[in-house]
C-alpha atoms as a PDB file:
ATOM      1  CA  MET A   1      -8.158 -37.619 -16.005  1.00  0.00           C
ATOM      2  CA  GLY A   2      -7.303 -40.644 -13.833  1.00  0.00           C
ATOM      3  CA  GLU A   3      -8.740 -40.550  -9.324  1.00  0.00           C
ATOM      4  CA  VAL A   4      -8.515 -37.631  -7.242  1.00  0.00           C
ATOM      5  CA  LYS A   5      -6.767 -38.016  -3.679  1.00  0.00           C
ATOM      6  CA  GLN A   6      -8.059 -35.743  -1.319  1.00  0.00           C
ATOM      7  CA  ALA A   7      -5.978 -34.554   1.280  1.00  0.00           C
ATOM      8  CA  GLU A   8      -6.132 -36.858   4.845  1.00  0.00           C
ATOM      9  CA  SER A   9      -5.701 -33.444   7.616  1.00  0.00           C
ATOM     10  CA  VAL A  10      -6.166 -30.358   7.334  1.00  0.00           C
ATOM     11  CA  PRO A  11      -2.221 -28.207   7.562  1.00  0.00           C
ATOM     12  CA  PRO A  12      -1.399 -26.419  10.000  1.00  0.00           C
ATOM     13  CA  VAL A  13      -2.348 -22.388   9.072  1.00  0.00           C
ATOM     14  CA  SER A  14       0.699 -19.905  10.462  1.00  0.00           C
ATOM     15  CA  SER A  15      -0.829 -17.044  12.691  1.00  0.00           C
ATOM     16  CA  ALA A  16       0.784 -13.784  12.736  1.00  0.00           C
ATOM     17  CA  LYS A  17       2.142 -12.597  15.422  1.00  0.00           C
ATOM     18  CA  LYS A  18      -0.560 -10.565  18.351  1.00  0.00           C
ATOM     19  CA  PRO A  19       1.486  -6.722  18.312  1.00  0.00           C
ATOM     20  CA  ALA A  20       1.835  -7.629  22.541  1.00  0.00           C
ATOM     21  CA  GLN A  21       4.013 -10.756  21.009  1.00  0.00           C
ATOM     22  CA  ALA A  22       6.187  -8.548  18.584  1.00  0.00           C
ATOM     23  CA  ALA A  23       6.517  -5.820  21.029  1.00  0.00           C
ATOM     24  CA  GLN A  24       7.974  -9.278  23.648  1.00  0.00           C
ATOM     25  CA  ALA A  25      10.020 -10.769  20.694  1.00  0.00           C
ATOM     26  CA  LYS A  26      11.737  -7.179  19.795  1.00  0.00           C
ATOM     27  CA  GLU A  27      11.289  -6.533  24.048  1.00  0.00           C
ATOM     28  CA  SER A  28      14.160  -9.716  24.476  1.00  0.00           C
ATOM     29  CA  MET A  29      16.329  -8.870  21.355  1.00  0.00           C
ATOM     30  CA  PRO A  30      19.909  -7.461  22.021  1.00  0.00           C
ATOM     31  CA  LYS A  31      20.267  -3.890  22.130  1.00  0.00           C
ATOM     32  CA  GLU A  32      23.204  -3.681  18.804  1.00  0.00           C
ATOM     33  CA  ALA A  33      19.885  -6.014  16.860  1.00  0.00           C
ATOM     34  CA  LYS A  34      17.538  -3.118  18.346  1.00  0.00           C
ATOM     35  CA  LYS A  35      19.712  -0.436  16.480  1.00  0.00           C
ATOM     36  CA  GLU A  36      20.479  -2.678  13.061  1.00  0.00           C
ATOM     37  CA  VAL A  37      16.668  -2.726  13.175  1.00  0.00           C
ATOM     38  CA  LYS A  38      16.267   0.884  13.048  1.00  0.00           C
ATOM     39  CA  LYS A  39      18.981   1.691  10.668  1.00  0.00           C
ATOM     40  CA  GLU A  40      17.245   0.150   8.344  1.00  0.00           C
ATOM     41  CA  PRO A  41      14.584   2.258   7.985  1.00  0.00           C
ATOM     42  CA  ALA A  42      17.095   5.341   7.806  1.00  0.00           C
ATOM     43  CA  LYS A  43      18.642   3.791   3.991  1.00  0.00           C
ATOM     44  CA  GLU A  44      16.014   3.481   2.494  1.00  0.00           C
ATOM     45  CA  GLU A  45      14.854   7.374   3.239  1.00  0.00           C
ATOM     46  CA  GLU A  46      18.075   8.192   2.120  1.00  0.00           C
ATOM     47  CA  GLU A  47      17.171   7.453  -1.560  1.00  0.00           C
ATOM     48  CA  ALA A  48      16.511   9.538  -4.212  1.00  0.00           C
ATOM     49  CA  PRO A  49      13.301   8.950  -6.136  1.00  0.00           C
ATOM     50  CA  LYS A  50      13.960   7.549  -9.770  1.00  0.00           C
ATOM     51  CA  PRO A  51      12.597  10.024 -11.949  1.00  0.00           C
ATOM     52  CA  LYS A  52       9.467   9.392 -14.301  1.00  0.00           C
ATOM     53  CA  PRO A  53      10.725   9.161 -17.335  1.00  0.00           C
ATOM     54  CA  LYS A  54       9.291  10.679 -20.138  1.00  0.00           C
ATOM     55  CA  ASN A  55       7.334  10.224 -22.636  1.00  0.00           C
ATOM     56  CA  SER A  56       7.438  11.271 -26.284  1.00  0.00           C
ATOM     57  CA  LEU A  57       3.553  12.047 -26.640  1.00  0.00           C
ATOM     58  CA  ASP A  58       4.729  15.718 -23.695  1.00  0.00           C
ATOM     59  CA  LEU A  59       6.651  16.318 -26.671  1.00  0.00           C
ATOM     60  CA  LEU A  60       3.273  16.732 -29.057  1.00  0.00           C
ATOM     61  CA  PRO A  61       1.967  20.131 -29.401  1.00  0.00           C
ATOM     62  CA  PRO A  62      -1.909  20.481 -28.008  1.00  0.00           C
ATOM     63  CA  SER A  63      -4.266  18.606 -29.805  1.00  0.00           C
ATOM     64  CA  LYS A  64      -7.197  21.630 -31.471  1.00  0.00           C
ATOM     65  CA  MET A  65     -10.139  19.349 -31.617  1.00  0.00           C
ATOM     66  CA  ILE A  66     -12.384  19.622 -28.879  1.00  0.00           C
ATOM     67  CA  LEU A  67     -13.035  15.853 -27.170  1.00  0.00           C
ATOM     68  CA  ASP A  68     -15.765  16.593 -25.709  1.00  0.00           C
ATOM     69  CA  GLU A  69     -18.058  17.368 -28.520  1.00  0.00           C
ATOM     70  CA  TRP A  70     -16.764  14.964 -30.333  1.00  0.00           C
ATOM     71  CA  LYS A  71     -18.028  12.707 -28.067  1.00  0.00           C
ATOM     72  CA  ARG A  72     -21.290  14.976 -28.386  1.00  0.00           C
ATOM     73  CA  LEU A  73     -21.793  14.388 -32.202  1.00  0.00           C
ATOM     74  CA  SER A  74     -20.744  10.358 -32.354  1.00  0.00           C
ATOM     75  CA  GLU A  75     -22.965   9.696 -30.071  1.00  0.00           C
ATOM     76  CA  GLU A  76     -26.019  11.743 -31.831  1.00  0.00           C
ATOM     77  CA  ASN A  77     -24.506   9.572 -34.714  1.00  0.00           C
ATOM     78  CA  ARG A  78     -25.205   6.655 -33.373  1.00  0.00           C
ATOM     79  CA  LEU A  79     -27.776   7.285 -32.238  1.00  0.00           C
ATOM     80  CA  LEU A  80     -29.509   7.709 -35.443  1.00  0.00           C
ATOM     81  CA  LEU A  81     -27.725   4.932 -37.006  1.00  0.00           C
ATOM     82  CA  LEU A  82     -29.739   2.693 -34.510  1.00  0.00           C
ATOM     83  CA  MET A  83     -32.804   4.718 -35.590  1.00  0.00           C
ATOM     84  CA  GLU A  84     -32.182   3.793 -39.558  1.00  0.00           C
ATOM     85  CA  ILE A  85     -31.361   0.461 -38.453  1.00  0.00           C
ATOM     86  CA  SER A  86     -34.659  -0.201 -36.743  1.00  0.00           C
ATOM     87  CA  SER A  87     -37.014   1.376 -39.553  1.00  0.00           C
ATOM     88  CA  VAL A  88     -34.796  -0.743 -41.597  1.00  0.00           C
ATOM     89  CA  TYR A  89     -36.064  -3.682 -39.631  1.00  0.00           C
ATOM     90  CA  LEU A  90     -38.990  -2.745 -39.442  1.00  0.00           C
ATOM     91  CA  MET A  91     -39.931  -2.690 -43.351  1.00  0.00           C
ATOM     92  CA  LEU A  92     -39.035  -5.815 -43.707  1.00  0.00           C
ATOM     93  CA  GLU A  93     -40.370  -7.518 -40.984  1.00  0.00           C
ATOM     94  CA  SER A  94     -43.796  -5.965 -42.657  1.00  0.00           C
ATOM     95  CA  VAL A  95     -42.655  -6.487 -46.604  1.00  0.00           C
ATOM     96  CA  LYS A  96     -42.096 -10.243 -44.673  1.00  0.00           C
ATOM     97  CA  GLN A  97     -45.186 -10.586 -43.576  1.00  0.00           C
ATOM     98  CA  ALA A  98     -47.000  -9.283 -46.488  1.00  0.00           C
ATOM     99  CA  ASN A  99     -45.594 -12.106 -48.150  1.00  0.00           C
ATOM    100  CA  ASP A 100     -46.296 -15.314 -46.071  1.00  0.00           C
END
């Protein structure tokens, strides 16, 4: 890949202003600038929220299937299948040991 050159110095990190510094900066602003800062949030509040797009699935009738019952049955079937697989595996192991 080639040689990798490491940084020789650490770049300075700009730290966030402390609340006291922010207050001093706001006080030093001209009055007109303060008014503009106050008016901007009001404009954002006046905008009406966008309506959510309608989902086509909402138009479908409610399902008659009971999902909780289906989950319970599928879990029971999965456990029964695992028990059958384990019994087949044990049977094959015993046949393998008998042949050795």
